Amino acid sequence: MDESTESFPGSRSGFDEIRRAVMSRLRDHGFRTTGGVARLLENGNSGVIEFQKSGRSTAEAKTFTINVGIALGALIARTTKKPISHCSVAECHAYLRLGELREPASDLWWTVTGNEIDHAVLADVLDRVERDALPLIRRAIGEGALASMWRAGESVGTNAGRRVQYLRWLDAEGA
C-alpha cells in the first residue's frame, strides 16, 4: 500500500468508501442521499447523481461510472409512477454519464481494487461531480430551464425525438 491508497478493515471496499465520501460531499451541497443515489429537489424538479457498477466488476475490482439526470415535475406523471423524490437516473427526462460533461466527452469508468481507497480516483470523481455535474443540475432544475435549453435546440441529456415529445407534453400542460 502506498500513500495514494488507504486500507479499510472489514467488509467495506475501496469502492464503498469512495461512494460514501461522494455522497457525504453531495449532502453538503443540499442533496438527499440513499445508498449510491443523491437527489436535489428544487422548483418541483429533481437533479439525480447515481453510481453505477459495471456488470464486469468482481469481488476484488469494482469498476464504476456516475450517471447524472434531471427529472421534471411537470412530466413525471406521464413517464413514471414514482414520485419525483424517488426517481433514479433511468427515470429522468434528461440523463447522461459524468464523462460526457467534459471535453472531450467520454464514457468514463473508474476501477478500484480491494479494500483500498484510491485517493487519486476519489479526487477525480469529486472534481468532476463538483465542476461538471453540479453546475448542470443547478442550471437545469431551475424553473423552465431544461425546457428552455430544449427549445433552443439543445438535446441536453436526451435525443431529438424525446426532446420534441417532452416539449409537446410541456406545451400541453402550459409549462
N, C-alpha and C. Protein backbone atom coordinates (compact mmCIF):
# COMPACT_ATOMS: atom_id res chain seq x y z
N MET A 1 0.86 -1.18 0.00
CA MET A 1 0.00 0.00 0.00
C MET A 1 0.90 1.23 0.00
N ASP A 2 0.58 2.19 -0.87
CA ASP A 2 1.37 3.42 -0.90
C ASP A 2 0.53 4.57 -0.37
N GLU A 3 1.07 5.78 -0.41
CA GLU A 3 0.38 6.93 0.19
C GLU A 3 -0.87 7.34 -0.57
N SER A 4 -1.07 6.81 -1.80
CA SER A 4 -2.27 7.19 -2.56
C SER A 4 -3.45 6.26 -2.27
N THR A 5 -3.23 5.23 -1.44
CA THR A 5 -4.31 4.32 -1.08
C THR A 5 -4.41 4.22 0.42
N GLU A 6 -5.57 3.81 0.90
CA GLU A 6 -5.78 3.65 2.32
C GLU A 6 -6.63 2.41 2.50
N SER A 7 -6.24 1.50 3.37
CA SER A 7 -6.93 0.24 3.55
C SER A 7 -7.99 0.37 4.65
N PHE A 8 -9.11 -0.35 4.46
CA PHE A 8 -10.19 -0.35 5.43
C PHE A 8 -10.43 -1.77 5.90
N PRO A 9 -10.41 -2.02 7.19
CA PRO A 9 -10.66 -3.37 7.69
C PRO A 9 -12.13 -3.73 7.51
N GLY A 10 -12.40 -5.02 7.53
CA GLY A 10 -13.79 -5.47 7.44
C GLY A 10 -14.26 -5.62 6.02
N SER A 11 -15.55 -5.53 5.84
CA SER A 11 -16.14 -5.85 4.53
C SER A 11 -16.29 -4.64 3.61
N ARG A 12 -16.03 -3.43 4.08
CA ARG A 12 -16.16 -2.26 3.21
C ARG A 12 -15.03 -2.24 2.19
N SER A 13 -15.39 -1.98 0.96
CA SER A 13 -14.39 -1.93 -0.10
C SER A 13 -13.97 -0.49 -0.34
N GLY A 14 -12.89 -0.33 -1.10
CA GLY A 14 -12.47 1.00 -1.51
C GLY A 14 -13.58 1.70 -2.28
N PHE A 15 -14.30 0.94 -3.11
CA PHE A 15 -15.44 1.49 -3.85
C PHE A 15 -16.49 2.03 -2.89
N ASP A 16 -16.83 1.25 -1.86
CA ASP A 16 -17.83 1.70 -0.88
C ASP A 16 -17.40 3.00 -0.21
N GLU A 17 -16.12 3.11 0.10
CA GLU A 17 -15.62 4.31 0.77
C GLU A 17 -15.66 5.52 -0.17
N ILE A 18 -15.34 5.31 -1.44
CA ILE A 18 -15.44 6.41 -2.41
C ILE A 18 -16.88 6.86 -2.54
N ARG A 19 -17.78 5.90 -2.65
CA ARG A 19 -19.20 6.24 -2.76
C ARG A 19 -19.67 7.01 -1.53
N ARG A 20 -19.28 6.56 -0.35
CA ARG A 20 -19.66 7.26 0.89
C ARG A 20 -19.13 8.69 0.91
N ALA A 21 -17.88 8.86 0.50
CA ALA A 21 -17.27 10.20 0.50
C ALA A 21 -17.97 11.13 -0.47
N VAL A 22 -18.32 10.63 -1.65
CA VAL A 22 -19.02 11.46 -2.64
C VAL A 22 -20.42 11.80 -2.13
N MET A 23 -21.13 10.83 -1.56
CA MET A 23 -22.47 11.10 -1.04
C MET A 23 -22.41 12.11 0.10
N SER A 24 -21.40 12.02 0.93
CA SER A 24 -21.24 13.00 2.01
C SER A 24 -21.04 14.40 1.45
N ARG A 25 -20.20 14.52 0.43
CA ARG A 25 -19.97 15.83 -0.18
C ARG A 25 -21.25 16.36 -0.82
N LEU A 26 -22.02 15.49 -1.45
CA LEU A 26 -23.27 15.93 -2.08
C LEU A 26 -24.28 16.39 -1.02
N ARG A 27 -24.29 15.75 0.14
CA ARG A 27 -25.17 16.23 1.23
C ARG A 27 -24.78 17.65 1.62
N ASP A 28 -23.48 17.96 1.59
CA ASP A 28 -23.02 19.32 1.88
C ASP A 28 -23.57 20.33 0.88
N HIS A 29 -23.92 19.86 -0.32
CA HIS A 29 -24.48 20.71 -1.37
C HIS A 29 -26.00 20.69 -1.39
N GLY A 30 -26.63 20.08 -0.37
CA GLY A 30 -28.09 20.10 -0.27
C GLY A 30 -28.79 18.88 -0.83
N PHE A 31 -28.05 17.89 -1.27
CA PHE A 31 -28.66 16.66 -1.80
C PHE A 31 -29.11 15.77 -0.66
N ARG A 32 -30.14 14.98 -0.94
CA ARG A 32 -30.55 13.89 -0.06
C ARG A 32 -29.99 12.63 -0.68
N THR A 33 -29.43 11.74 0.15
CA THR A 33 -28.78 10.56 -0.39
C THR A 33 -29.35 9.28 0.20
N THR A 34 -29.34 8.25 -0.63
CA THR A 34 -29.71 6.91 -0.23
C THR A 34 -28.80 5.96 -0.98
N GLY A 35 -27.93 5.26 -0.26
CA GLY A 35 -27.01 4.34 -0.92
C GLY A 35 -26.15 5.10 -1.93
N GLY A 36 -26.23 4.68 -3.19
CA GLY A 36 -25.44 5.30 -4.23
C GLY A 36 -26.20 6.30 -5.07
N VAL A 37 -27.32 6.84 -4.53
CA VAL A 37 -28.14 7.80 -5.27
C VAL A 37 -28.29 9.08 -4.45
N ALA A 38 -28.07 10.22 -5.12
CA ALA A 38 -28.23 11.52 -4.47
C ALA A 38 -29.22 12.34 -5.29
N ARG A 39 -30.14 13.02 -4.60
CA ARG A 39 -31.16 13.83 -5.29
C ARG A 39 -31.22 15.23 -4.69
N LEU A 40 -31.31 16.21 -5.59
CA LEU A 40 -31.51 17.60 -5.20
C LEU A 40 -32.87 18.02 -5.74
N LEU A 41 -33.79 18.35 -4.85
CA LEU A 41 -35.14 18.72 -5.24
C LEU A 41 -35.31 20.23 -5.13
N GLU A 42 -35.61 20.86 -6.27
CA GLU A 42 -35.85 22.31 -6.30
C GLU A 42 -36.83 22.63 -7.43
N ASN A 43 -37.68 23.61 -7.22
CA ASN A 43 -38.61 24.09 -8.24
C ASN A 43 -39.49 22.98 -8.80
N GLY A 44 -39.78 21.97 -7.99
CA GLY A 44 -40.61 20.86 -8.44
C GLY A 44 -39.87 19.88 -9.33
N ASN A 45 -38.57 20.07 -9.50
CA ASN A 45 -37.74 19.20 -10.34
C ASN A 45 -36.71 18.49 -9.47
N SER A 46 -36.03 17.51 -10.05
CA SER A 46 -35.03 16.77 -9.31
C SER A 46 -33.76 16.58 -10.15
N GLY A 47 -32.63 16.85 -9.52
CA GLY A 47 -31.33 16.51 -10.10
C GLY A 47 -30.84 15.26 -9.41
N VAL A 48 -30.39 14.28 -10.18
CA VAL A 48 -30.01 12.98 -9.63
C VAL A 48 -28.57 12.65 -10.03
N ILE A 49 -27.79 12.19 -9.07
CA ILE A 49 -26.45 11.69 -9.32
C ILE A 49 -26.42 10.28 -8.75
N GLU A 50 -25.97 9.34 -9.58
CA GLU A 50 -26.10 7.93 -9.21
C GLU A 50 -24.87 7.13 -9.62
N PHE A 51 -24.35 6.34 -8.71
CA PHE A 51 -23.25 5.43 -9.01
C PHE A 51 -23.80 4.22 -9.76
N GLN A 52 -23.06 3.74 -10.74
CA GLN A 52 -23.42 2.53 -11.47
C GLN A 52 -22.20 1.63 -11.53
N LYS A 53 -22.32 0.43 -10.93
CA LYS A 53 -21.23 -0.54 -11.00
C LYS A 53 -21.35 -1.33 -12.29
N SER A 54 -20.21 -1.65 -12.88
CA SER A 54 -20.17 -2.47 -14.08
C SER A 54 -20.55 -3.90 -13.76
N GLY A 55 -21.21 -4.55 -14.68
CA GLY A 55 -21.52 -5.97 -14.55
C GLY A 55 -20.26 -6.82 -14.57
N ARG A 56 -19.18 -6.23 -15.00
CA ARG A 56 -17.89 -6.94 -15.04
C ARG A 56 -17.09 -6.76 -13.76
N SER A 57 -17.63 -6.05 -12.79
CA SER A 57 -16.94 -5.90 -11.51
C SER A 57 -16.80 -7.26 -10.84
N THR A 58 -15.74 -7.40 -10.06
CA THR A 58 -15.52 -8.63 -9.30
C THR A 58 -15.43 -8.26 -7.82
N ALA A 59 -15.31 -9.28 -6.97
CA ALA A 59 -15.17 -9.02 -5.54
C ALA A 59 -13.91 -8.21 -5.27
N GLU A 60 -12.88 -8.42 -6.09
CA GLU A 60 -11.61 -7.74 -5.89
C GLU A 60 -11.53 -6.37 -6.56
N ALA A 61 -12.17 -6.22 -7.73
CA ALA A 61 -12.05 -4.97 -8.50
C ALA A 61 -13.43 -4.47 -8.89
N LYS A 62 -13.78 -3.30 -8.39
CA LYS A 62 -15.07 -2.67 -8.69
C LYS A 62 -14.85 -1.60 -9.75
N THR A 63 -15.54 -1.74 -10.88
CA THR A 63 -15.49 -0.74 -11.93
C THR A 63 -16.81 0.00 -11.91
N PHE A 64 -16.76 1.33 -11.96
CA PHE A 64 -17.98 2.11 -11.83
C PHE A 64 -17.93 3.37 -12.68
N THR A 65 -19.11 3.90 -12.93
CA THR A 65 -19.26 5.20 -13.56
C THR A 65 -20.28 5.97 -12.73
N ILE A 66 -20.51 7.22 -13.10
CA ILE A 66 -21.51 8.03 -12.42
C ILE A 66 -22.44 8.61 -13.47
N ASN A 67 -23.74 8.44 -13.24
CA ASN A 67 -24.77 8.95 -14.12
C ASN A 67 -25.40 10.19 -13.50
N VAL A 68 -25.82 11.10 -14.36
CA VAL A 68 -26.41 12.37 -13.93
C VAL A 68 -27.75 12.50 -14.65
N GLY A 69 -28.79 12.89 -13.93
CA GLY A 69 -30.10 13.04 -14.55
C GLY A 69 -30.89 14.21 -14.01
N ILE A 70 -31.86 14.64 -14.82
CA ILE A 70 -32.79 15.70 -14.44
C ILE A 70 -34.21 15.17 -14.67
N ALA A 71 -35.03 15.21 -13.64
CA ALA A 71 -36.44 14.83 -13.76
C ALA A 71 -37.28 16.09 -13.60
N LEU A 72 -38.19 16.29 -14.53
CA LEU A 72 -39.06 17.47 -14.49
C LEU A 72 -40.39 17.12 -13.86
N GLY A 73 -40.75 17.88 -12.83
CA GLY A 73 -42.02 17.64 -12.14
C GLY A 73 -43.21 17.70 -13.06
N ALA A 74 -43.18 18.58 -14.07
CA ALA A 74 -44.30 18.74 -15.00
C ALA A 74 -44.49 17.53 -15.90
N LEU A 75 -43.48 16.67 -16.01
CA LEU A 75 -43.57 15.49 -16.89
C LEU A 75 -43.64 14.18 -16.14
N ILE A 76 -43.37 14.19 -14.86
CA ILE A 76 -43.17 12.96 -14.12
C ILE A 76 -44.38 12.02 -14.18
N ALA A 77 -45.58 12.54 -14.09
CA ALA A 77 -46.78 11.68 -14.11
C ALA A 77 -46.95 10.97 -15.46
N ARG A 78 -46.42 11.54 -16.52
CA ARG A 78 -46.52 10.92 -17.84
C ARG A 78 -45.49 9.82 -18.07
N THR A 79 -44.44 9.80 -17.28
CA THR A 79 -43.33 8.90 -17.59
C THR A 79 -43.01 7.85 -16.53
N THR A 80 -43.50 8.00 -15.32
CA THR A 80 -43.25 7.01 -14.27
C THR A 80 -44.31 7.12 -13.19
N LYS A 81 -44.46 6.05 -12.44
CA LYS A 81 -45.40 6.07 -11.31
C LYS A 81 -44.74 6.51 -10.02
N LYS A 82 -43.42 6.61 -10.03
CA LYS A 82 -42.70 7.02 -8.82
C LYS A 82 -42.84 8.52 -8.60
N PRO A 83 -42.82 8.93 -7.33
CA PRO A 83 -42.77 10.38 -7.07
C PRO A 83 -41.39 10.91 -7.47
N ILE A 84 -41.34 12.16 -7.80
CA ILE A 84 -40.08 12.77 -8.25
C ILE A 84 -38.97 12.63 -7.22
N SER A 85 -39.32 12.56 -5.97
CA SER A 85 -38.32 12.44 -4.90
C SER A 85 -37.68 11.06 -4.85
N HIS A 86 -38.17 10.11 -5.66
CA HIS A 86 -37.62 8.76 -5.66
C HIS A 86 -37.13 8.31 -7.03
N CYS A 87 -37.06 9.21 -7.99
CA CYS A 87 -36.63 8.84 -9.34
C CYS A 87 -35.16 8.44 -9.36
N SER A 88 -34.88 7.42 -10.16
CA SER A 88 -33.49 7.07 -10.44
C SER A 88 -33.10 7.79 -11.73
N VAL A 89 -31.85 7.73 -12.09
CA VAL A 89 -31.42 8.37 -13.34
C VAL A 89 -32.16 7.78 -14.53
N ALA A 90 -32.43 6.48 -14.50
CA ALA A 90 -33.13 5.83 -15.62
C ALA A 90 -34.53 6.41 -15.84
N GLU A 91 -35.12 6.98 -14.82
CA GLU A 91 -36.47 7.55 -14.93
C GLU A 91 -36.45 9.06 -15.19
N CYS A 92 -35.27 9.62 -15.30
CA CYS A 92 -35.15 11.06 -15.55
C CYS A 92 -35.44 11.39 -17.01
N HIS A 93 -35.81 12.63 -17.26
CA HIS A 93 -36.13 13.10 -18.61
C HIS A 93 -34.88 13.49 -19.38
N ALA A 94 -33.82 13.76 -18.68
CA ALA A 94 -32.51 14.03 -19.28
C ALA A 94 -31.50 13.25 -18.45
N TYR A 95 -30.64 12.52 -19.10
CA TYR A 95 -29.64 11.78 -18.36
C TYR A 95 -28.41 11.54 -19.23
N LEU A 96 -27.27 11.50 -18.57
CA LEU A 96 -26.01 11.29 -19.27
C LEU A 96 -24.98 10.81 -18.28
N ARG A 97 -23.86 10.38 -18.80
CA ARG A 97 -22.75 9.94 -17.96
C ARG A 97 -21.90 11.15 -17.60
N LEU A 98 -21.31 11.11 -16.43
CA LEU A 98 -20.48 12.21 -15.95
C LEU A 98 -19.38 12.56 -16.95
N GLY A 99 -18.79 11.57 -17.59
CA GLY A 99 -17.72 11.81 -18.55
C GLY A 99 -18.14 12.59 -19.77
N GLU A 100 -19.45 12.64 -20.06
CA GLU A 100 -19.95 13.38 -21.21
C GLU A 100 -19.96 14.89 -20.98
N LEU A 101 -19.76 15.32 -19.75
CA LEU A 101 -19.86 16.74 -19.40
C LEU A 101 -18.57 17.52 -19.57
N ARG A 102 -17.49 16.84 -19.91
CA ARG A 102 -16.20 17.50 -20.07
C ARG A 102 -15.63 17.13 -21.43
N GLU A 103 -15.00 18.10 -22.07
CA GLU A 103 -14.38 17.84 -23.38
C GLU A 103 -13.00 17.22 -23.21
N PRO A 104 -12.66 16.23 -23.98
CA PRO A 104 -13.55 15.55 -24.91
C PRO A 104 -14.49 14.63 -24.15
N ALA A 105 -15.75 14.62 -24.57
CA ALA A 105 -16.76 13.78 -23.92
C ALA A 105 -16.35 12.31 -24.04
N SER A 106 -16.59 11.56 -22.96
CA SER A 106 -16.23 10.14 -22.99
C SER A 106 -17.15 9.35 -22.07
N ASP A 107 -17.14 8.05 -22.26
CA ASP A 107 -17.85 7.13 -21.38
C ASP A 107 -16.85 6.72 -20.30
N LEU A 108 -16.77 7.51 -19.25
CA LEU A 108 -15.72 7.41 -18.25
C LEU A 108 -16.07 6.41 -17.15
N TRP A 109 -15.15 5.48 -16.91
CA TRP A 109 -15.28 4.48 -15.85
C TRP A 109 -14.00 4.48 -15.02
N TRP A 110 -14.14 4.21 -13.73
CA TRP A 110 -13.01 4.07 -12.83
C TRP A 110 -13.00 2.65 -12.27
N THR A 111 -11.83 2.17 -11.86
CA THR A 111 -11.73 0.86 -11.22
C THR A 111 -10.99 1.03 -9.90
N VAL A 112 -11.55 0.43 -8.85
CA VAL A 112 -10.96 0.45 -7.52
C VAL A 112 -10.81 -1.01 -7.08
N THR A 113 -9.65 -1.34 -6.56
CA THR A 113 -9.39 -2.73 -6.18
C THR A 113 -9.39 -2.91 -4.67
N GLY A 114 -9.87 -4.07 -4.26
CA GLY A 114 -9.81 -4.50 -2.86
C GLY A 114 -10.44 -3.55 -1.88
N ASN A 115 -9.86 -3.54 -0.68
CA ASN A 115 -10.38 -2.71 0.41
C ASN A 115 -9.61 -1.41 0.52
N GLU A 116 -8.94 -1.02 -0.55
CA GLU A 116 -8.16 0.20 -0.50
C GLU A 116 -8.85 1.31 -1.27
N ILE A 117 -8.90 2.48 -0.65
CA ILE A 117 -9.46 3.64 -1.32
C ILE A 117 -8.33 4.30 -2.11
N ASP A 118 -8.56 4.53 -3.36
CA ASP A 118 -7.57 5.18 -4.21
C ASP A 118 -7.86 6.67 -4.18
N HIS A 119 -7.01 7.43 -3.51
CA HIS A 119 -7.26 8.86 -3.32
C HIS A 119 -7.23 9.64 -4.62
N ALA A 120 -6.48 9.17 -5.60
CA ALA A 120 -6.47 9.84 -6.91
C ALA A 120 -7.83 9.67 -7.60
N VAL A 121 -8.40 8.48 -7.50
CA VAL A 121 -9.74 8.25 -8.07
C VAL A 121 -10.76 9.10 -7.33
N LEU A 122 -10.72 9.11 -6.01
CA LEU A 122 -11.65 9.92 -5.24
C LEU A 122 -11.55 11.39 -5.61
N ALA A 123 -10.34 11.90 -5.73
CA ALA A 123 -10.15 13.32 -6.08
C ALA A 123 -10.71 13.60 -7.47
N ASP A 124 -10.49 12.72 -8.43
CA ASP A 124 -11.01 12.90 -9.79
C ASP A 124 -12.53 12.88 -9.79
N VAL A 125 -13.12 11.92 -9.09
CA VAL A 125 -14.58 11.81 -9.04
C VAL A 125 -15.18 13.07 -8.40
N LEU A 126 -14.65 13.49 -7.26
CA LEU A 126 -15.18 14.69 -6.60
C LEU A 126 -15.02 15.92 -7.48
N ASP A 127 -13.88 16.06 -8.14
CA ASP A 127 -13.66 17.20 -9.02
C ASP A 127 -14.70 17.21 -10.14
N ARG A 128 -14.92 16.09 -10.76
CA ARG A 128 -15.87 16.03 -11.88
C ARG A 128 -17.31 16.23 -11.42
N VAL A 129 -17.66 15.70 -10.27
CA VAL A 129 -19.02 15.91 -9.74
C VAL A 129 -19.23 17.39 -9.45
N GLU A 130 -18.28 18.01 -8.76
CA GLU A 130 -18.46 19.40 -8.36
C GLU A 130 -18.29 20.39 -9.50
N ARG A 131 -17.40 20.14 -10.42
CA ARG A 131 -17.15 21.09 -11.52
C ARG A 131 -18.03 20.86 -12.74
N ASP A 132 -18.53 19.64 -12.92
CA ASP A 132 -19.29 19.33 -14.12
C ASP A 132 -20.77 19.03 -13.83
N ALA A 133 -21.03 18.08 -12.92
CA ALA A 133 -22.41 17.66 -12.67
C ALA A 133 -23.22 18.71 -11.91
N LEU A 134 -22.66 19.25 -10.83
CA LEU A 134 -23.43 20.21 -10.02
C LEU A 134 -23.86 21.45 -10.80
N PRO A 135 -22.98 22.07 -11.59
CA PRO A 135 -23.45 23.24 -12.34
C PRO A 135 -24.56 22.89 -13.34
N LEU A 136 -24.46 21.75 -14.00
CA LEU A 136 -25.52 21.34 -14.93
C LEU A 136 -26.83 21.15 -14.18
N ILE A 137 -26.79 20.43 -13.08
CA ILE A 137 -28.01 20.17 -12.31
C ILE A 137 -28.61 21.48 -11.82
N ARG A 138 -27.81 22.32 -11.22
CA ARG A 138 -28.35 23.59 -10.69
C ARG A 138 -28.96 24.45 -11.79
N ARG A 139 -28.34 24.45 -12.95
CA ARG A 139 -28.87 25.22 -14.09
C ARG A 139 -30.16 24.58 -14.61
N ALA A 140 -30.18 23.26 -14.76
CA ALA A 140 -31.29 22.58 -15.42
C ALA A 140 -32.53 22.42 -14.55
N ILE A 141 -32.38 22.41 -13.21
CA ILE A 141 -33.58 22.24 -12.38
C ILE A 141 -34.26 23.57 -12.05
N GLY A 142 -33.71 24.65 -12.53
CA GLY A 142 -34.39 25.94 -12.39
C GLY A 142 -35.72 25.90 -13.13
N GLU A 143 -36.66 26.68 -12.67
CA GLU A 143 -37.99 26.66 -13.27
C GLU A 143 -37.94 26.96 -14.77
N GLY A 144 -38.34 25.97 -15.57
CA GLY A 144 -38.39 26.12 -17.02
C GLY A 144 -37.04 26.07 -17.71
N ALA A 145 -35.97 25.87 -16.97
CA ALA A 145 -34.62 25.95 -17.54
C ALA A 145 -34.32 24.84 -18.55
N LEU A 146 -34.61 23.59 -18.19
CA LEU A 146 -34.32 22.50 -19.11
C LEU A 146 -35.17 22.62 -20.37
N ALA A 147 -36.44 22.97 -20.20
CA ALA A 147 -37.31 23.17 -21.37
C ALA A 147 -36.78 24.30 -22.25
N SER A 148 -36.25 25.35 -21.65
CA SER A 148 -35.67 26.45 -22.44
C SER A 148 -34.46 25.96 -23.23
N MET A 149 -33.63 25.13 -22.62
CA MET A 149 -32.48 24.57 -23.34
C MET A 149 -32.96 23.72 -24.50
N TRP A 150 -33.99 22.91 -24.24
CA TRP A 150 -34.54 22.06 -25.31
C TRP A 150 -35.13 22.91 -26.43
N ARG A 151 -35.87 23.97 -26.06
CA ARG A 151 -36.48 24.83 -27.09
C ARG A 151 -35.41 25.54 -27.93
N ALA A 152 -34.25 25.76 -27.34
CA ALA A 152 -33.15 26.39 -28.07
C ALA A 152 -32.43 25.39 -28.98
N GLY A 153 -32.92 24.15 -28.98
CA GLY A 153 -32.34 23.14 -29.85
C GLY A 153 -31.31 22.23 -29.21
N GLU A 154 -31.00 22.49 -27.94
CA GLU A 154 -30.07 21.61 -27.24
C GLU A 154 -30.81 20.35 -26.81
N SER A 155 -30.26 19.21 -27.10
CA SER A 155 -30.86 17.95 -26.65
C SER A 155 -30.15 17.46 -25.40
N VAL A 156 -29.98 18.35 -24.44
CA VAL A 156 -29.26 18.05 -23.21
C VAL A 156 -29.82 16.78 -22.58
N GLY A 157 -28.99 15.75 -22.53
CA GLY A 157 -29.36 14.52 -21.83
C GLY A 157 -30.46 13.70 -22.45
N THR A 158 -30.83 13.97 -23.67
CA THR A 158 -31.86 13.18 -24.33
C THR A 158 -31.61 13.21 -25.83
N ASN A 159 -32.41 12.50 -26.58
CA ASN A 159 -32.26 12.55 -28.03
C ASN A 159 -33.30 13.50 -28.61
N ALA A 160 -33.18 13.81 -29.87
CA ALA A 160 -34.06 14.79 -30.51
C ALA A 160 -35.53 14.36 -30.45
N GLY A 161 -35.80 13.08 -30.66
CA GLY A 161 -37.19 12.60 -30.62
C GLY A 161 -37.84 12.78 -29.26
N ARG A 162 -37.14 12.38 -28.22
CA ARG A 162 -37.68 12.57 -26.86
C ARG A 162 -37.83 14.04 -26.53
N ARG A 163 -36.84 14.84 -26.93
CA ARG A 163 -36.90 16.29 -26.67
C ARG A 163 -38.17 16.88 -27.26
N VAL A 164 -38.48 16.53 -28.50
CA VAL A 164 -39.69 17.04 -29.16
C VAL A 164 -40.94 16.56 -28.42
N GLN A 165 -40.97 15.27 -28.04
CA GLN A 165 -42.13 14.74 -27.31
C GLN A 165 -42.30 15.43 -25.97
N TYR A 166 -41.21 15.58 -25.23
CA TYR A 166 -41.29 16.24 -23.93
C TYR A 166 -41.78 17.68 -24.08
N LEU A 167 -41.31 18.38 -25.09
CA LEU A 167 -41.77 19.76 -25.31
C LEU A 167 -43.25 19.81 -25.66
N ARG A 168 -43.73 18.85 -26.42
CA ARG A 168 -45.18 18.79 -26.72
C ARG A 168 -45.97 18.62 -25.43
N TRP A 169 -45.52 17.70 -24.59
CA TRP A 169 -46.22 17.48 -23.33
C TRP A 169 -46.16 18.72 -22.44
N LEU A 170 -45.02 19.36 -22.37
CA LEU A 170 -44.91 20.58 -21.56
C LEU A 170 -45.82 21.69 -22.10
N ASP A 171 -45.87 21.83 -23.42
CA ASP A 171 -46.75 22.83 -24.02
C ASP A 171 -48.22 22.52 -23.70
N ALA A 172 -48.60 21.23 -23.76
CA ALA A 172 -49.97 20.82 -23.44
C ALA A 172 -50.31 21.10 -21.98
N GLU A 173 -49.31 21.04 -21.11
CA GLU A 173 -49.51 21.32 -19.69
C GLU A 173 -49.45 22.81 -19.39
N GLY A 174 -49.02 23.60 -20.37
CA GLY A 174 -48.84 25.02 -20.15
C GLY A 174 -47.62 25.34 -19.33
N ALA A 175 -46.67 24.40 -19.32
CA ALA A 175 -45.45 24.58 -18.51
C ALA A 175 -44.33 25.20 -19.30
